[in-house]
Amino acid sequence: MNLRTHLVALALAAPGFASTAQAETIRVAIGTQDTTINTATGGLLIRELKLLEKYLPHDGKYKDATYDIQWKNFTSGAPITNEQIAGKLDFGVMADFPGSFNGLAHLKAGRKSLFITVLSGSVNGSGNGIVVPTDSPIQSLPELKGKTISVPFASTSHGMLLRAVKAQGWDAESDVSIITQAPEVAGAALKANQIEAHADFVPFAELFPWRGFARKIYDGSQAKTPTFHGALVDASYAEKYPEIVVAYLRAAIEADQLIAKEPEKYSELIGKVTGVEAEVDYLFHGPLGLQTRDLTWKPQYRQAVATAIETLKSLKKADGSLDVDSFVDDRFIRAAFKASGLDYEAALKNYEQLPLTAKDAATSEPIKDPKRVAEIWVDGEPQVRHYASPENALKALKAIEGDGKAIRVFYAQDRESGIKLIGEQAWFVRADSGEVSAFLLKENAESWAKAHGGNVLDFTGVKSSILASN
């Protein structure tokens, strides 16, 4: 027995793990959501880089086993749940809301699934969002009262929308009109100005604005409600093949490590496979990203599952109950951490965004304040340039464009929330001192300007302001 297998065996030596694998052809069927790009470390990257093959056991009781690895891609969680219940899938990746429905649906069918890991999420709720058509006069959520908002029903963004509406003190049935609409349908509707607003999950609240036909007016972090995407497994499969479950999770851990080390490279790969542009992929997976890749079951994510279950029941989408403590099962991810030589407890306590350890590309000063960071991805350059402040980045942008180089994207961090923004979609405040701050919402920029002084500008305006002052 080699060291890796020995570590897994030790990690699995706990009550509840069965070991009944035999010499056989073992199916490993995984349902992915490739275009839901924050699930990449649990699906797309494992598949494309053949990481699962690296960790599947081939000794001990698996010495004579062969593997039938099957990958099936879906655009949402519901069909993955259907395939699992039909016995066609062993693993599936999806968000807290459809994942909770997965658990309830399994129980209704006389079966059981387990939520085995988080892949990426936000304890504050960032990742879900609400957009409006580009030329809409609406700038914030309160202006949507009496309007029609579409959303994929029973999705994590549906849960966010209902909580956001409730936080406004509105009645979800009388103060707004909420209709169901899939992302691909909503995109066309936004282009044609056929809907007044649309709420959606990763990456559409960023992708639609990036493609130029929508504008983000609400980020899920404003709801202060945790959200995440993770992976589930059929409980009977996990009981029979616990080492395979750990192997899958070890592959997810390596995928996470790889993209943390080279986010641009793997954002390009995700873009190539999904058609979701690398600039949007980096928005999530790069340092200080919109969400944090996190494979640990933080209390907030457990609570997200409980909240989703209650919301599904209130929507009459579920008539049963689900014990969160038995549904959320951290034994396998803890075993995978141990077998990979990692400290699960330390990771569980870490709430930081993926850190940025870099020097300002223009001044070489160490970058210290994450909420002041701005970044530029220059066309033809493999790596993003980092700057300690928006004003430094804007000055550099002037020089880069002056040299005739094209810019793929300009990023800034929201001065208050710290979430990553696409510069062309952001609002800026330029103080009399020259300091520039970025904001998602115009109203927040106006409040900052009122409190600290300065002018509120869009991206074109702040570029012109920098140009005029130099």
Protein backbone atom coordinates (compact mmCIF):
# COMPACT_ATOMS: atom_id res chain seq x y z
CA MET A 1 0.00 0.00 0.00
CA ASN A 2 1.53 3.33 -1.05
CA LEU A 3 1.54 6.45 1.10
CA ARG A 4 -1.40 8.07 -0.67
CA THR A 5 -3.64 5.03 -0.23
CA HIS A 6 -2.50 4.68 3.38
CA LEU A 7 -3.46 8.29 4.12
CA VAL A 8 -6.89 7.83 2.56
CA ALA A 9 -7.40 4.63 4.51
CA LEU A 10 -6.51 6.40 7.75
CA ALA A 11 -8.76 9.33 6.93
CA LEU A 12 -11.68 7.02 6.19
CA ALA A 13 -11.20 4.92 9.31
CA ALA A 14 -14.26 6.37 11.00
CA PRO A 15 -17.77 5.14 11.77
CA GLY A 16 -20.11 5.34 8.81
CA PHE A 17 -17.60 4.55 6.08
CA ALA A 18 -18.22 1.21 4.43
CA SER A 19 -15.68 -0.61 2.25
CA THR A 20 -17.44 -2.96 -0.12
CA ALA A 21 -15.73 -2.24 -3.46
CA GLN A 22 -14.92 -5.30 -5.53
CA ALA A 23 -12.99 -6.11 -8.68
CA GLU A 24 -15.42 -4.68 -11.20
CA THR A 25 -16.05 -1.93 -13.70
CA ILE A 26 -17.03 1.02 -11.56
CA ARG A 27 -19.00 3.87 -13.06
CA VAL A 28 -18.08 7.41 -12.04
CA ALA A 29 -20.79 9.58 -13.62
CA ILE A 30 -20.57 13.29 -12.90
CA GLY A 31 -23.10 15.98 -13.84
CA THR A 32 -21.48 19.38 -14.35
CA GLN A 33 -22.62 22.93 -15.07
CA ASP A 34 -19.78 24.21 -17.21
CA THR A 35 -21.29 27.64 -17.90
CA THR A 36 -21.85 28.14 -14.17
CA ILE A 37 -18.18 28.99 -14.08
CA ASN A 38 -17.67 29.00 -10.33
CA THR A 39 -18.20 25.23 -10.38
CA ALA A 40 -15.13 24.75 -12.58
CA THR A 41 -13.03 23.16 -9.84
CA GLY A 42 -15.67 20.47 -9.35
CA GLY A 43 -16.25 19.71 -12.99
CA LEU A 44 -14.74 21.40 -16.02
CA LEU A 45 -11.14 21.62 -14.82
CA ILE A 46 -11.14 18.10 -13.41
CA ARG A 47 -12.42 16.79 -16.73
CA GLU A 48 -10.22 18.86 -19.04
CA LEU A 49 -7.03 18.26 -17.03
CA LYS A 50 -7.86 14.58 -16.34
CA LEU A 51 -7.35 15.06 -12.61
CA LEU A 52 -9.83 12.42 -11.52
CA GLU A 53 -7.80 9.72 -13.26
CA LYS A 54 -4.83 10.83 -11.19
CA TYR A 55 -6.51 10.07 -7.86
CA LEU A 56 -8.80 7.10 -8.49
CA PRO A 57 -7.52 4.13 -6.45
CA HIS A 58 -5.85 1.23 -8.29
CA ASP A 59 -4.53 -0.86 -5.43
CA GLY A 60 -5.84 -2.76 -2.43
CA LYS A 61 -9.46 -3.72 -3.01
CA TYR A 62 -9.43 -1.66 -6.22
CA LYS A 63 -6.45 -3.53 -7.70
CA ASP A 64 -8.47 -5.17 -10.48
CA ALA A 65 -11.11 -2.45 -10.84
CA THR A 66 -11.60 -0.51 -14.06
CA TYR A 67 -13.38 2.83 -14.25
CA ASP A 68 -16.09 4.03 -16.57
CA ILE A 69 -15.81 7.82 -16.19
CA GLN A 70 -18.80 9.66 -17.62
CA TRP A 71 -19.15 13.43 -17.84
CA LYS A 72 -22.50 15.05 -18.62
CA ASN A 73 -22.92 18.81 -18.88
CA PHE A 74 -26.10 20.71 -17.98
CA THR A 75 -27.12 24.37 -17.84
CA SER A 76 -28.78 24.17 -14.41
CA GLY A 77 -29.11 21.94 -11.36
CA ALA A 78 -32.64 20.59 -11.87
CA PRO A 79 -31.83 18.16 -14.72
CA ILE A 80 -28.80 16.91 -12.78
CA THR A 81 -31.15 16.04 -9.91
CA ASN A 82 -33.49 14.24 -12.32
CA GLU A 83 -30.59 12.20 -13.72
CA GLN A 84 -29.35 11.32 -10.26
CA ILE A 85 -32.74 10.10 -9.13
CA ALA A 86 -33.01 8.10 -12.35
CA GLY A 87 -29.73 6.40 -11.44
CA LYS A 88 -27.83 7.91 -14.37
CA LEU A 89 -25.45 10.10 -12.35
CA ASP A 90 -23.40 9.52 -9.21
CA PHE A 91 -22.16 13.07 -8.57
CA GLY A 92 -23.62 16.48 -9.38
CA VAL A 93 -22.57 20.10 -8.95
CA MET A 94 -25.09 22.82 -8.19
CA ALA A 95 -25.93 25.74 -5.91
CA ASP A 96 -27.39 25.76 -2.40
CA PHE A 97 -30.97 26.25 -3.61
CA PRO A 98 -31.18 23.49 -6.26
CA GLY A 99 -28.87 21.38 -4.11
CA SER A 100 -31.37 21.51 -1.27
CA PHE A 101 -34.12 20.59 -3.71
CA ASN A 102 -31.88 17.68 -4.77
CA GLY A 103 -31.85 16.38 -1.21
CA LEU A 104 -35.61 16.75 -0.82
CA ALA A 105 -36.29 15.12 -4.19
CA HIS A 106 -34.11 12.15 -3.29
CA LEU A 107 -36.02 11.65 -0.04
CA LYS A 108 -39.32 11.82 -1.88
CA ALA A 109 -38.05 9.12 -4.24
CA GLY A 110 -37.04 6.94 -1.29
CA ARG A 111 -33.36 7.67 -1.77
CA LYS A 112 -30.75 9.95 -0.24
CA SER A 113 -28.08 12.33 -1.51
CA LEU A 114 -25.26 14.00 0.39
CA PHE A 115 -23.92 17.54 0.00
CA ILE A 116 -20.20 16.73 0.25
CA THR A 117 -18.37 19.99 -0.42
CA VAL A 118 -18.55 23.66 -1.20
CA LEU A 119 -16.67 24.70 -4.35
CA SER A 120 -17.11 28.46 -4.46
CA GLY A 121 -19.31 30.95 -2.70
CA SER A 122 -19.79 34.13 -0.76
CA VAL A 123 -20.82 34.33 2.88
CA ASN A 124 -22.36 37.71 1.99
CA GLY A 125 -24.21 36.52 -1.13
CA SER A 126 -22.15 37.89 -4.00
CA GLY A 127 -22.46 35.98 -7.27
CA ASN A 128 -26.19 36.32 -7.71
CA GLY A 129 -27.36 39.65 -9.09
CA ILE A 130 -30.06 41.70 -10.79
CA VAL A 131 -29.61 43.43 -14.15
CA VAL A 132 -31.67 45.78 -16.29
CA PRO A 133 -31.41 46.62 -20.00
CA THR A 134 -28.45 48.90 -20.71
CA ASP A 135 -30.52 51.98 -21.53
CA SER A 136 -32.97 51.51 -18.65
CA PRO A 137 -33.29 54.55 -16.35
CA ILE A 138 -33.40 52.22 -13.32
CA GLN A 139 -30.30 52.45 -11.13
CA SER A 140 -31.22 50.50 -7.99
CA LEU A 141 -33.54 47.87 -6.55
CA PRO A 142 -36.08 50.26 -4.91
CA GLU A 143 -36.95 51.53 -8.40
CA LEU A 144 -38.22 48.07 -9.38
CA LYS A 145 -41.40 48.34 -7.33
CA GLY A 146 -44.34 47.59 -9.60
CA LYS A 147 -42.03 46.19 -12.28
CA THR A 148 -41.70 42.75 -13.83
CA ILE A 149 -38.60 40.80 -12.86
CA SER A 150 -37.71 37.48 -14.46
CA VAL A 151 -35.62 34.80 -12.77
CA PRO A 152 -34.90 31.09 -13.23
CA PHE A 153 -37.38 29.57 -10.79
CA ALA A 154 -36.04 27.34 -7.99
CA SER A 155 -32.52 28.66 -8.58
CA THR A 156 -30.24 30.25 -6.01
CA SER A 157 -30.93 33.63 -7.66
CA HIS A 158 -34.65 33.06 -7.11
CA GLY A 159 -33.97 32.72 -3.41
CA MET A 160 -31.88 35.91 -3.48
CA LEU A 161 -34.62 37.82 -5.29
CA LEU A 162 -37.28 36.78 -2.80
CA ARG A 163 -35.07 37.81 0.12
CA ALA A 164 -34.23 41.13 -1.55
CA VAL A 165 -37.93 41.85 -2.16
CA LYS A 166 -38.75 40.98 1.44
CA ALA A 167 -35.97 43.27 2.68
CA GLN A 168 -37.65 46.15 0.83
CA GLY A 169 -40.83 45.47 2.78
CA TRP A 170 -42.62 44.46 -0.41
CA ASP A 171 -45.08 41.67 -1.08
CA ALA A 172 -43.57 39.32 -3.68
CA GLU A 173 -46.99 38.72 -5.24
CA SER A 174 -48.42 42.24 -5.34
CA ASP A 175 -45.57 44.78 -5.28
CA VAL A 176 -43.57 43.14 -8.10
CA SER A 177 -44.36 40.65 -10.83
CA ILE A 178 -41.90 37.74 -10.73
CA ILE A 179 -41.90 35.48 -13.77
CA THR A 180 -39.76 32.46 -14.65
CA GLN A 181 -37.16 32.81 -17.38
CA ALA A 182 -34.02 30.81 -18.12
CA PRO A 183 -30.76 32.73 -18.65
CA GLU A 184 -30.61 32.06 -22.40
CA VAL A 185 -34.16 33.38 -22.83
CA ALA A 186 -33.57 36.36 -20.55
CA GLY A 187 -30.51 37.43 -22.53
CA ALA A 188 -32.58 37.85 -25.68
CA ALA A 189 -35.36 39.55 -23.73
CA LEU A 190 -32.91 42.07 -22.24
CA LYS A 191 -31.52 42.85 -25.69
CA ALA A 192 -35.02 43.51 -26.99
CA ASN A 193 -36.11 45.47 -23.89
CA GLN A 194 -38.89 42.95 -23.36
CA ILE A 195 -38.30 42.68 -19.60
CA GLU A 196 -37.67 45.39 -17.04
CA ALA A 197 -35.21 43.41 -14.93
CA HIS A 198 -33.71 39.96 -14.61
CA ALA A 199 -32.21 38.16 -11.60
CA ASP A 200 -29.73 35.39 -12.21
CA PHE A 201 -26.92 33.23 -10.85
CA VAL A 202 -23.23 32.94 -11.82
CA PRO A 203 -22.08 34.25 -14.27
CA PHE A 204 -25.03 35.95 -15.94
CA ALA A 205 -25.33 39.07 -13.78
CA GLU A 206 -21.77 39.82 -14.92
CA LEU A 207 -21.79 38.17 -18.35
CA PHE A 208 -24.79 40.08 -19.69
CA PRO A 209 -23.28 43.48 -18.78
CA TRP A 210 -19.91 42.38 -20.18
CA ARG A 211 -21.61 41.61 -23.49
CA GLY A 212 -23.09 45.08 -23.51
CA PHE A 213 -26.85 44.59 -23.32
CA ALA A 214 -27.46 44.82 -19.57
CA ARG A 215 -26.39 46.79 -16.52
CA LYS A 216 -26.04 45.38 -13.02
CA ILE A 217 -28.03 47.27 -10.38
CA TYR A 218 -27.96 44.81 -7.48
CA ASP A 219 -25.37 42.40 -6.17
CA GLY A 220 -26.36 39.49 -3.97
CA SER A 221 -23.96 40.72 -1.30
CA GLN A 222 -26.43 43.53 -0.58
CA ALA A 223 -28.81 40.88 0.77
CA LYS A 224 -26.15 39.70 3.23
CA THR A 225 -27.30 36.11 2.71
CA PRO A 226 -24.72 33.35 2.06
CA THR A 227 -24.71 31.55 -1.27
CA PHE A 228 -22.50 28.85 -2.75
CA HIS A 229 -22.12 26.14 -5.36
CA GLY A 230 -20.94 22.71 -4.34
CA ALA A 231 -21.02 18.99 -5.11
CA LEU A 232 -23.42 16.22 -4.13
CA VAL A 233 -23.16 12.45 -4.33
CA ASP A 234 -25.64 9.60 -4.14
CA ALA A 235 -25.51 8.36 -0.56
CA SER A 236 -25.54 4.65 -1.43
CA TYR A 237 -22.71 5.21 -3.92
CA ALA A 238 -20.69 7.02 -1.25
CA GLU A 239 -21.28 4.18 1.18
CA LYS A 240 -20.09 1.60 -1.34
CA TYR A 241 -17.17 3.60 -2.76
CA PRO A 242 -15.97 6.13 -0.16
CA GLU A 243 -12.42 6.11 -1.59
CA ILE A 244 -13.79 7.22 -4.97
CA VAL A 245 -15.65 10.11 -3.35
CA VAL A 246 -12.40 11.17 -1.68
CA ALA A 247 -10.56 10.78 -5.00
CA TYR A 248 -13.05 13.13 -6.67
CA LEU A 249 -12.58 15.67 -3.91
CA ARG A 250 -8.80 15.42 -4.09
CA ALA A 251 -9.10 16.21 -7.78
CA ALA A 252 -11.24 19.25 -6.88
CA ILE A 253 -8.58 20.36 -4.39
CA GLU A 254 -5.86 20.18 -7.04
CA ALA A 255 -8.04 22.05 -9.54
CA ASP A 256 -8.51 24.76 -6.92
CA GLN A 257 -4.76 24.98 -6.32
CA LEU A 258 -4.00 25.19 -10.03
CA ILE A 259 -6.39 28.04 -10.77
CA ALA A 260 -5.25 29.92 -7.67
CA LYS A 261 -1.68 29.77 -8.98
CA GLU A 262 -2.45 30.70 -12.61
CA PRO A 263 -5.91 32.30 -12.77
CA GLU A 264 -5.39 33.88 -16.19
CA LYS A 265 -4.31 30.61 -17.80
CA TYR A 266 -7.24 28.63 -16.48
CA SER A 267 -9.72 31.46 -17.05
CA GLU A 268 -8.70 31.21 -20.71
CA LEU A 269 -9.32 27.46 -20.62
CA ILE A 270 -12.74 27.92 -19.03
CA GLY A 271 -13.54 30.54 -21.67
CA LYS A 272 -12.48 28.24 -24.49
CA VAL A 273 -14.66 25.39 -23.25
CA THR A 274 -17.75 27.35 -22.20
CA GLY A 275 -17.83 30.41 -24.42
CA VAL A 276 -17.99 32.56 -21.28
CA GLU A 277 -15.27 35.11 -21.93
CA ALA A 278 -12.06 34.76 -19.93
CA GLU A 279 -12.44 38.32 -18.67
CA VAL A 280 -15.64 37.27 -16.87
CA ASP A 281 -14.08 34.01 -15.66
CA TYR A 282 -11.20 35.96 -14.09
CA LEU A 283 -13.74 38.24 -12.41
CA PHE A 284 -14.69 35.22 -10.29
CA HIS A 285 -11.50 33.18 -10.18
CA GLY A 286 -8.79 35.83 -10.04
CA PRO A 287 -7.38 37.28 -6.80
CA LEU A 288 -9.94 39.31 -4.82
CA GLY A 289 -12.57 37.68 -7.02
CA LEU A 290 -16.30 38.21 -6.88
CA GLN A 291 -16.63 34.94 -5.01
CA THR A 292 -14.17 32.94 -2.93
CA ARG A 293 -13.30 29.40 -3.90
CA ASP A 294 -13.75 27.49 -0.66
CA LEU A 295 -14.08 23.75 -0.08
CA THR A 296 -15.01 23.93 3.61
CA TRP A 297 -18.43 23.78 5.25
CA LYS A 298 -18.53 27.13 6.99
CA PRO A 299 -21.53 27.67 9.30
CA GLN A 300 -22.85 30.27 6.85
CA TYR A 301 -23.01 27.71 4.04
CA ARG A 302 -24.77 25.21 6.25
CA GLN A 303 -27.25 27.97 7.08
CA ALA A 304 -27.67 28.68 3.35
CA VAL A 305 -28.87 25.09 2.93
CA ALA A 306 -31.33 25.45 5.81
CA THR A 307 -32.62 28.75 4.41
CA ALA A 308 -33.03 27.23 0.96
CA ILE A 309 -35.05 24.34 2.37
CA GLU A 310 -37.39 26.71 4.19
CA THR A 311 -37.75 28.92 1.10
CA LEU A 312 -38.58 25.91 -1.09
CA LYS A 313 -41.26 24.90 1.39
CA SER A 314 -42.72 28.43 1.45
CA LEU A 315 -42.82 28.38 -2.36
CA LYS A 316 -44.63 25.03 -2.12
CA LYS A 317 -41.81 23.51 -4.18
CA ALA A 318 -41.25 20.96 -1.44
CA ASP A 319 -43.60 19.33 1.02
CA GLY A 320 -41.09 17.44 3.13
CA SER A 321 -38.30 18.25 5.53
CA LEU A 322 -34.59 17.57 5.32
CA ASP A 323 -32.16 17.22 8.21
CA VAL A 324 -29.32 19.56 7.33
CA ASP A 325 -26.89 17.90 9.74
CA SER A 326 -27.15 14.56 7.95
CA PHE A 327 -27.55 16.01 4.43
CA VAL A 328 -24.41 18.16 4.70
CA ASP A 329 -21.66 15.56 5.15
CA ASP A 330 -18.12 16.86 5.68
CA ARG A 331 -16.45 13.48 6.32
CA PHE A 332 -15.28 13.07 2.75
CA ILE A 333 -13.85 16.55 2.26
CA ARG A 334 -12.07 16.29 5.60
CA ALA A 335 -10.59 12.98 4.46
CA ALA A 336 -9.54 14.54 1.14
CA PHE A 337 -7.84 17.43 2.94
CA LYS A 338 -5.97 15.02 5.19
CA ALA A 339 -4.90 12.82 2.28
CA SER A 340 -3.70 15.96 0.43
CA GLY A 341 -1.66 17.12 3.43
CA LEU A 342 -3.91 20.11 4.11
CA ASP A 343 -5.35 21.54 7.32
CA TYR A 344 -9.14 21.53 7.07
CA GLU A 345 -9.68 23.36 10.36
CA ALA A 346 -7.40 26.21 9.29
CA ALA A 347 -9.22 26.51 5.97
CA LEU A 348 -12.57 26.42 7.78
CA LYS A 349 -11.57 29.48 9.79
CA ASN A 350 -10.26 31.42 6.78
CA TYR A 351 -12.80 33.90 5.41
CA GLU A 352 -10.43 35.96 3.27
CA GLN A 353 -10.81 36.47 -0.46
CA LEU A 354 -8.18 34.82 -2.63
CA PRO A 355 -5.32 37.18 -1.70
CA LEU A 356 -3.38 39.36 -4.06
CA THR A 357 0.32 39.37 -3.26
CA ALA A 358 1.83 41.78 -5.76
CA LYS A 359 3.49 45.10 -6.35
CA ASP A 360 2.01 48.02 -8.24
CA ALA A 361 2.89 47.53 -11.92
CA ALA A 362 3.62 51.25 -12.28
CA THR A 363 5.27 52.25 -8.99
CA SER A 364 6.54 48.92 -7.61
CA GLU A 365 4.99 49.79 -4.24
CA PRO A 366 3.54 46.84 -2.30
CA ILE A 367 -0.22 46.53 -2.70
CA LYS A 368 -1.75 46.69 0.78
CA ASP A 369 -5.40 47.78 0.61
CA PRO A 370 -7.54 45.24 -1.33
CA LYS A 371 -10.46 47.67 -1.65
CA ARG A 372 -8.23 50.10 -3.53
CA VAL A 373 -6.89 47.59 -6.05
CA ALA A 374 -7.41 48.05 -9.78
CA GLU A 375 -6.23 45.77 -12.57
CA ILE A 376 -5.69 45.92 -16.32
CA TRP A 377 -5.59 42.97 -18.68
CA VAL A 378 -3.69 44.13 -21.75
CA ASP A 379 -4.44 42.34 -25.00
CA GLY A 380 -1.62 39.96 -25.88
CA GLU A 381 -0.27 39.77 -22.32
CA PRO A 382 -0.66 36.46 -20.46
CA GLN A 383 -0.98 38.05 -17.03
CA VAL A 384 -3.13 40.81 -15.57
CA ARG A 385 -1.33 43.96 -14.37
CA HIS A 386 -2.09 44.94 -10.76
CA TYR A 387 -2.18 48.46 -9.30
CA ALA A 388 -2.43 49.75 -5.73
CA SER A 389 -5.15 52.27 -6.60
CA PRO A 390 -7.62 53.15 -9.36
CA GLU A 391 -5.81 56.41 -10.02
CA ASN A 392 -2.52 54.58 -10.61
CA ALA A 393 -4.29 52.16 -12.95
CA LEU A 394 -6.06 54.94 -14.84
CA LYS A 395 -2.79 56.79 -15.36
CA ALA A 396 -1.22 53.57 -16.61
CA LEU A 397 -4.22 53.01 -18.86
CA LYS A 398 -3.61 56.36 -20.50
CA ALA A 399 0.00 55.35 -21.24
CA ILE A 400 -0.94 51.87 -22.46
CA GLU A 401 -3.54 53.22 -24.87
CA GLY A 402 -1.11 55.92 -25.91
CA ASP A 403 1.26 53.17 -27.00
CA GLY A 404 -1.48 51.78 -29.23
CA LYS A 405 -2.13 48.68 -27.14
CA ALA A 406 -5.63 47.30 -26.78
CA ILE A 407 -7.19 46.71 -23.36
CA ARG A 408 -9.14 43.55 -22.72
CA VAL A 409 -10.64 44.71 -19.44
CA PHE A 410 -10.19 47.13 -16.56
CA TYR A 411 -11.12 45.86 -13.09
CA ALA A 412 -11.69 47.79 -9.86
CA GLN A 413 -12.80 46.80 -6.36
CA ASP A 414 -15.88 48.37 -4.82
CA ARG A 415 -14.55 50.80 -2.19
CA GLU A 416 -17.17 49.72 0.37
CA SER A 417 -17.97 46.05 -0.25
CA GLY A 418 -14.67 45.00 -1.82
CA ILE A 419 -16.32 43.04 -4.65
CA LYS A 420 -14.56 43.02 -8.02
CA LEU A 421 -16.12 45.21 -10.71
CA ILE A 422 -15.72 45.60 -14.45
CA GLY A 423 -14.57 49.17 -14.89
CA GLU A 424 -16.88 50.05 -17.77
CA GLN A 425 -19.87 49.10 -15.62
CA ALA A 426 -18.74 50.87 -12.45
CA TRP A 427 -19.25 54.34 -11.01
CA PHE A 428 -16.32 56.37 -9.72
CA VAL A 429 -15.75 59.24 -7.33
CA ARG A 430 -12.74 61.44 -7.96
CA ALA A 431 -11.87 63.56 -4.94
CA ASP A 432 -10.24 66.97 -5.12
CA SER A 433 -7.03 65.27 -3.97
CA GLY A 434 -7.10 63.09 -7.08
CA GLU A 435 -7.97 59.91 -5.19
CA VAL A 436 -10.37 57.69 -7.13
CA SER A 437 -12.85 55.23 -5.61
CA ALA A 438 -14.98 52.69 -7.48
CA PHE A 439 -18.57 51.62 -6.75
CA LEU A 440 -21.11 49.22 -8.19
CA LEU A 441 -24.08 51.54 -7.59
CA LYS A 442 -24.46 55.17 -8.55
CA GLU A 443 -26.31 55.91 -5.30
CA ASN A 444 -23.36 54.59 -3.28
CA ALA A 445 -20.96 56.71 -5.29
CA GLU A 446 -23.15 59.75 -4.65
CA SER A 447 -23.25 59.03 -0.91
CA TRP A 448 -19.46 58.66 -0.83
CA ALA A 449 -19.00 61.93 -2.73
CA LYS A 450 -21.35 63.71 -0.34
CA ALA A 451 -19.49 62.39 2.70
CA HIS A 452 -15.91 62.71 1.40
CA GLY A 453 -16.11 65.25 -1.39
CA GLY A 454 -15.54 64.73 -5.09
CA ASN A 455 -17.39 64.22 -8.35
CA VAL A 456 -19.35 61.15 -9.45
CA LEU A 457 -18.22 59.90 -12.85
CA ASP A 458 -18.76 56.93 -15.12
CA PHE A 459 -15.78 55.08 -16.60
CA THR A 460 -15.50 57.37 -19.61
CA GLY A 461 -15.75 60.40 -17.34
CA VAL A 462 -13.09 59.27 -14.90
CA LYS A 463 -10.72 58.44 -17.78
CA SER A 464 -11.25 61.91 -19.20
CA SER A 465 -10.73 63.43 -15.77
CA ILE A 466 -7.36 61.68 -15.40
CA LEU A 467 -6.39 62.69 -18.92
CA ALA A 468 -7.28 66.34 -18.30
CA SER A 469 -5.20 66.48 -15.11
CA ASN A 470 -1.98 65.21 -16.69
